[in-house]
Amino acid sequence: MIKLLVFLGNPGKEYRETRHNAGFLLADSIYPTASWKMKFHSMMTEDGGRKILKPMTMMNLSGTAVSEAATFYKLKAEEILIIHDDLELPLGKAKLQKGGGLQGHNGLRSIKERIGSADFFRLRIGIGRPVHGDVRLYVTSPFKKDEAIILSTLFDRLRPLIASPEEKEISVK
């Protein structure tokens, strides 16, 4: 049973609408009226007994927040769902899985290092990979208008999945 939902992103106004903040954007979409408070280097709220975190560390240090919350609540890796952007999935697709490779995602690497396991659940939100250019610039650039519409449609389809996660793939195309 999932007891901790962690939506990954980067804090700060300059990152707000960027691809790397797909996790934060989904949290804001699902919990628009949540009462967030600062705890575990994160903005935190609760929903139906589950703890919900948006780490306020930079993405690459997300493990700090996750490990503090997991230790405090005595959670196992398999009781945690990490929601994050994924370059390897096209925009408009999402995939829920348990464990798996980290595919170069430094936020996930930080979490694995800090909690000592990669056996957490992951909801991978596809942002696509740039055809050319610097990946770092791509992930920290904002979604275009048409991309934001696709993302919003995907988020609508992800709401029930967040409520009761089980391994599957979702697409809006």
C-alpha atoms as a PDB file:
ATOM      1  CA  MET A   1       0.000   0.000   0.000  1.00  0.00           C
ATOM      2  CA  ILE A   2       1.331   3.427  -0.961  1.00  0.00           C
ATOM      3  CA  LYS A   3       1.686   5.673   2.088  1.00  0.00           C
ATOM      4  CA  LEU A   4       3.901   8.440   0.691  1.00  0.00           C
ATOM      5  CA  LEU A   5       3.471  10.259  -2.631  1.00  0.00           C
ATOM      6  CA  VAL A   6       6.478  12.301  -3.734  1.00  0.00           C
ATOM      7  CA  PHE A   7       6.018  14.726  -6.620  1.00  0.00           C
ATOM      8  CA  LEU A   8       9.420  15.776  -7.992  1.00  0.00           C
ATOM      9  CA  GLY A   9      10.340  19.179  -9.347  1.00  0.00           C
ATOM     10  CA  ASN A  10      12.611  22.140  -8.744  1.00  0.00           C
ATOM     11  CA  PRO A  11      11.571  24.970  -6.429  1.00  0.00           C
ATOM     12  CA  GLY A  12      11.604  28.525  -7.685  1.00  0.00           C
ATOM     13  CA  LYS A  13       9.635  30.696 -10.042  1.00  0.00           C
ATOM     14  CA  GLU A  14      12.065  30.142 -12.936  1.00  0.00           C
ATOM     15  CA  TYR A  15      11.293  26.386 -12.979  1.00  0.00           C
ATOM     16  CA  ARG A  16       7.539  26.546 -12.332  1.00  0.00           C
ATOM     17  CA  GLU A  17       6.205  25.586 -15.790  1.00  0.00           C
ATOM     18  CA  THR A  18       9.183  23.546 -17.015  1.00  0.00           C
ATOM     19  CA  ARG A  19       9.335  19.953 -18.192  1.00  0.00           C
ATOM     20  CA  HIS A  20      11.461  18.926 -15.200  1.00  0.00           C
ATOM     21  CA  ASN A  21       8.589  20.084 -12.969  1.00  0.00           C
ATOM     22  CA  ALA A  22       6.018  17.675 -14.394  1.00  0.00           C
ATOM     23  CA  GLY A  23       5.703  16.124 -10.928  1.00  0.00           C
ATOM     24  CA  PHE A  24       4.989  19.460  -9.227  1.00  0.00           C
ATOM     25  CA  LEU A  25       2.538  20.368 -11.996  1.00  0.00           C
ATOM     26  CA  LEU A  26       0.623  17.109 -11.462  1.00  0.00           C
ATOM     27  CA  ALA A  27       0.505  17.692  -7.687  1.00  0.00           C
ATOM     28  CA  ASP A  28      -0.894  21.177  -8.243  1.00  0.00           C
ATOM     29  CA  SER A  29      -3.463  19.750 -10.661  1.00  0.00           C
ATOM     30  CA  ILE A  30      -4.641  16.996  -8.303  1.00  0.00           C
ATOM     31  CA  TYR A  31      -4.470  19.008  -5.063  1.00  0.00           C
ATOM     32  CA  PRO A  32      -5.295  22.618  -6.076  1.00  0.00           C
ATOM     33  CA  THR A  33      -6.760  23.545  -2.681  1.00  0.00           C
ATOM     34  CA  ALA A  34      -4.408  21.559  -0.444  1.00  0.00           C
ATOM     35  CA  SER A  35      -3.035  23.199   2.656  1.00  0.00           C
ATOM     36  CA  TRP A  36       0.726  22.755   2.282  1.00  0.00           C
ATOM     37  CA  LYS A  37       3.165  23.176   5.166  1.00  0.00           C
ATOM     38  CA  MET A  38       6.963  22.997   5.296  1.00  0.00           C
ATOM     39  CA  LYS A  39       8.326  19.715   6.697  1.00  0.00           C
ATOM     40  CA  PHE A  40      11.205  17.399   5.703  1.00  0.00           C
ATOM     41  CA  HIS A  41      12.709  20.024   3.345  1.00  0.00           C
ATOM     42  CA  SER A  42       9.381  19.789   1.481  1.00  0.00           C
ATOM     43  CA  MET A  43       5.967  21.238   1.082  1.00  0.00           C
ATOM     44  CA  MET A  44       3.759  18.581   2.659  1.00  0.00           C
ATOM     45  CA  THR A  45       0.060  17.828   2.881  1.00  0.00           C
ATOM     46  CA  GLU A  46      -2.105  14.751   3.471  1.00  0.00           C
ATOM     47  CA  ASP A  47      -4.867  13.045   1.539  1.00  0.00           C
ATOM     48  CA  GLY A  48      -6.815  10.113   2.915  1.00  0.00           C
ATOM     49  CA  GLY A  49      -4.078   9.221   5.380  1.00  0.00           C
ATOM     50  CA  ARG A  50      -1.336   9.330   2.748  1.00  0.00           C
ATOM     51  CA  LYS A  51       1.493  11.834   3.076  1.00  0.00           C
ATOM     52  CA  ILE A  52       2.178  13.987   0.018  1.00  0.00           C
ATOM     53  CA  LEU A  53       5.519  15.714  -0.553  1.00  0.00           C
ATOM     54  CA  LYS A  54       6.889  18.256  -2.984  1.00  0.00           C
ATOM     55  CA  PRO A  55      10.616  18.386  -2.095  1.00  0.00           C
ATOM     56  CA  MET A  56      11.929  21.955  -1.934  1.00  0.00           C
ATOM     57  CA  THR A  57      15.494  20.812  -2.486  1.00  0.00           C
ATOM     58  CA  MET A  58      16.720  20.975  -6.048  1.00  0.00           C
ATOM     59  CA  MET A  59      15.699  17.892  -8.068  1.00  0.00           C
ATOM     60  CA  ASN A  60      19.128  16.257  -7.779  1.00  0.00           C
ATOM     61  CA  LEU A  61      18.892  16.321  -3.960  1.00  0.00           C
ATOM     62  CA  SER A  62      15.355  14.908  -3.658  1.00  0.00           C
ATOM     63  CA  GLY A  63      16.656  11.977  -1.633  1.00  0.00           C
ATOM     64  CA  THR A  64      17.134  14.258   1.382  1.00  0.00           C
ATOM     65  CA  ALA A  65      13.411  14.976   1.680  1.00  0.00           C
ATOM     66  CA  VAL A  66      12.291  11.438   0.847  1.00  0.00           C
ATOM     67  CA  SER A  67      14.674   9.791   3.315  1.00  0.00           C
ATOM     68  CA  GLU A  68      13.671  12.169   6.121  1.00  0.00           C
ATOM     69  CA  ALA A  69       9.961  11.458   5.587  1.00  0.00           C
ATOM     70  CA  ALA A  70      10.481   7.704   5.105  1.00  0.00           C
ATOM     71  CA  THR A  71      12.570   7.470   8.273  1.00  0.00           C
ATOM     72  CA  PHE A  72      10.141   9.554  10.336  1.00  0.00           C
ATOM     73  CA  TYR A  73       7.096   7.520   9.228  1.00  0.00           C
ATOM     74  CA  LYS A  74       9.035   4.204   9.212  1.00  0.00           C
ATOM     75  CA  LEU A  75       8.207   3.492   5.568  1.00  0.00           C
ATOM     76  CA  LYS A  76       9.616   0.791   3.325  1.00  0.00           C
ATOM     77  CA  ALA A  77      10.646   1.676  -0.242  1.00  0.00           C
ATOM     78  CA  GLU A  78       7.640  -0.226  -1.628  1.00  0.00           C
ATOM     79  CA  GLU A  79       5.287   2.101   0.303  1.00  0.00           C
ATOM     80  CA  ILE A  80       6.572   5.132  -1.626  1.00  0.00           C
ATOM     81  CA  LEU A  81       5.421   6.414  -5.026  1.00  0.00           C
ATOM     82  CA  ILE A  82       7.749   8.872  -6.787  1.00  0.00           C
ATOM     83  CA  ILE A  83       6.125  10.959  -9.542  1.00  0.00           C
ATOM     84  CA  HIS A  84       8.629  12.420 -12.008  1.00  0.00           C
ATOM     85  CA  ASP A  85       9.341  13.579 -15.542  1.00  0.00           C
ATOM     86  CA  ASP A  86      10.814  11.053 -17.969  1.00  0.00           C
ATOM     87  CA  LEU A  87      12.733  11.804 -21.173  1.00  0.00           C
ATOM     88  CA  GLU A  88      12.326   8.243 -22.450  1.00  0.00           C
ATOM     89  CA  LEU A  89       8.534   8.401 -22.670  1.00  0.00           C
ATOM     90  CA  PRO A  90       6.908  10.597 -25.307  1.00  0.00           C
ATOM     91  CA  LEU A  91       4.819  13.552 -24.190  1.00  0.00           C
ATOM     92  CA  GLY A  92       1.279  12.368 -23.456  1.00  0.00           C
ATOM     93  CA  LYS A  93       2.312   8.983 -22.024  1.00  0.00           C
ATOM     94  CA  ALA A  94       2.798   7.913 -18.443  1.00  0.00           C
ATOM     95  CA  LYS A  95       3.859   4.618 -16.953  1.00  0.00           C
ATOM     96  CA  LEU A  96       3.499   3.303 -13.430  1.00  0.00           C
ATOM     97  CA  GLN A  97       5.997   0.664 -12.360  1.00  0.00           C
ATOM     98  CA  LYS A  98       7.771  -0.718  -9.341  1.00  0.00           C
ATOM     99  CA  GLY A  99      11.535  -0.380  -9.311  1.00  0.00           C
ATOM    100  CA  GLY A 100      13.393  -0.397 -12.589  1.00  0.00           C
ATOM    101  CA  GLY A 101      16.375   1.472 -13.930  1.00  0.00           C
ATOM    102  CA  LEU A 102      16.933   5.089 -13.033  1.00  0.00           C
ATOM    103  CA  GLN A 103      17.742   6.032 -16.655  1.00  0.00           C
ATOM    104  CA  GLY A 104      20.112   8.818 -15.669  1.00  0.00           C
ATOM    105  CA  HIS A 105      17.485  10.678 -13.595  1.00  0.00           C
ATOM    106  CA  ASN A 106      19.533  12.339 -10.860  1.00  0.00           C
ATOM    107  CA  GLY A 107      16.527  12.905  -8.607  1.00  0.00           C
ATOM    108  CA  LEU A 108      15.799   9.166  -8.600  1.00  0.00           C
ATOM    109  CA  ARG A 109      19.480   8.392  -8.070  1.00  0.00           C
ATOM    110  CA  SER A 110      19.494  10.659  -5.019  1.00  0.00           C
ATOM    111  CA  ILE A 111      16.414   8.922  -3.611  1.00  0.00           C
ATOM    112  CA  LYS A 112      17.879   5.454  -4.147  1.00  0.00           C
ATOM    113  CA  GLU A 113      21.145   6.464  -2.467  1.00  0.00           C
ATOM    114  CA  ARG A 114      19.414   8.031   0.534  1.00  0.00           C
ATOM    115  CA  ILE A 115      16.791   5.321   1.216  1.00  0.00           C
ATOM    116  CA  GLY A 116      19.083   2.450   0.186  1.00  0.00           C
ATOM    117  CA  SER A 117      16.712   0.907  -2.350  1.00  0.00           C
ATOM    118  CA  ALA A 118      15.216   1.430  -5.807  1.00  0.00           C
ATOM    119  CA  ASP A 119      12.177  -0.726  -4.971  1.00  0.00           C
ATOM    120  CA  PHE A 120       9.851   2.278  -4.739  1.00  0.00           C
ATOM    121  CA  PHE A 121       6.978   2.749  -7.175  1.00  0.00           C
ATOM    122  CA  ARG A 122       7.463   5.291  -9.934  1.00  0.00           C
ATOM    123  CA  LEU A 123       4.970   7.197 -12.015  1.00  0.00           C
ATOM    124  CA  ARG A 124       6.930   8.275 -15.074  1.00  0.00           C
ATOM    125  CA  ILE A 125       5.413  11.278 -16.872  1.00  0.00           C
ATOM    126  CA  GLY A 126       6.609  11.447 -20.454  1.00  0.00           C
ATOM    127  CA  ILE A 127       8.152  14.733 -21.546  1.00  0.00           C
ATOM    128  CA  GLY A 128       9.849  13.349 -24.674  1.00  0.00           C
ATOM    129  CA  ARG A 129      13.473  13.692 -25.638  1.00  0.00           C
ATOM    130  CA  PRO A 130      14.749  16.595 -27.722  1.00  0.00           C
ATOM    131  CA  VAL A 131      15.712  15.694 -31.289  1.00  0.00           C
ATOM    132  CA  HIS A 132      18.814  17.824 -30.937  1.00  0.00           C
ATOM    133  CA  GLY A 133      20.252  20.237 -28.408  1.00  0.00           C
ATOM    134  CA  ASP A 134      21.220  20.158 -24.765  1.00  0.00           C
ATOM    135  CA  VAL A 135      19.021  17.888 -22.616  1.00  0.00           C
ATOM    136  CA  ARG A 136      19.597  20.122 -19.542  1.00  0.00           C
ATOM    137  CA  LEU A 137      18.228  23.132 -21.406  1.00  0.00           C
ATOM    138  CA  TYR A 138      15.315  21.067 -22.715  1.00  0.00           C
ATOM    139  CA  VAL A 139      14.162  19.804 -19.298  1.00  0.00           C
ATOM    140  CA  THR A 140      14.395  23.280 -17.766  1.00  0.00           C
ATOM    141  CA  SER A 141      12.465  24.932 -20.590  1.00  0.00           C
ATOM    142  CA  PRO A 142       8.712  25.560 -20.381  1.00  0.00           C
ATOM    143  CA  PHE A 143       6.118  23.443 -22.141  1.00  0.00           C
ATOM    144  CA  LYS A 144       4.794  24.964 -25.367  1.00  0.00           C
ATOM    145  CA  LYS A 145       1.040  25.744 -25.446  1.00  0.00           C
ATOM    146  CA  ASP A 146       0.123  22.611 -27.415  1.00  0.00           C
ATOM    147  CA  GLU A 147       2.312  20.492 -25.114  1.00  0.00           C
ATOM    148  CA  ALA A 148       0.629  21.976 -22.034  1.00  0.00           C
ATOM    149  CA  ILE A 149      -2.759  20.922 -23.423  1.00  0.00           C
ATOM    150  CA  ILE A 150      -1.532  17.339 -23.927  1.00  0.00           C
ATOM    151  CA  LEU A 151      -0.080  17.340 -20.408  1.00  0.00           C
ATOM    152  CA  SER A 152      -3.330  18.633 -18.907  1.00  0.00           C
ATOM    153  CA  THR A 153      -5.297  15.877 -20.660  1.00  0.00           C
ATOM    154  CA  LEU A 154      -2.839  13.281 -19.368  1.00  0.00           C
ATOM    155  CA  PHE A 155      -3.152  14.676 -15.830  1.00  0.00           C
ATOM    156  CA  ASP A 156      -6.932  14.240 -15.995  1.00  0.00           C
ATOM    157  CA  ARG A 157      -6.399  10.570 -16.840  1.00  0.00           C
ATOM    158  CA  LEU A 158      -3.808  10.114 -14.077  1.00  0.00           C
ATOM    159  CA  ARG A 159      -6.042  11.251 -11.202  1.00  0.00           C
ATOM    160  CA  PRO A 160      -7.662   7.819 -10.643  1.00  0.00           C
ATOM    161  CA  LEU A 161      -4.275   6.124 -10.974  1.00  0.00           C
ATOM    162  CA  ILE A 162      -2.886   8.218  -8.120  1.00  0.00           C
ATOM    163  CA  ALA A 163      -5.875   7.162  -6.013  1.00  0.00           C
ATOM    164  CA  SER A 164      -5.114   3.439  -6.462  1.00  0.00           C
ATOM    165  CA  PRO A 165      -1.766   2.763  -8.133  1.00  0.00           C
ATOM    166  CA  GLU A 166      -1.131  -0.475  -9.990  1.00  0.00           C
ATOM    167  CA  GLU A 167       1.414  -1.102 -12.732  1.00  0.00           C
ATOM    168  CA  LYS A 168       0.165   0.149 -16.105  1.00  0.00           C
ATOM    169  CA  GLU A 169       0.771   2.548 -18.947  1.00  0.00           C
ATOM    170  CA  ILE A 170      -1.513   5.460 -19.811  1.00  0.00           C
ATOM    171  CA  SER A 171      -1.575   7.519 -22.975  1.00  0.00           C
ATOM    172  CA  VAL A 172      -3.617  10.404 -24.332  1.00  0.00           C
ATOM    173  CA  LYS A 173      -2.734   9.751 -27.977  1.00  0.00           C
END
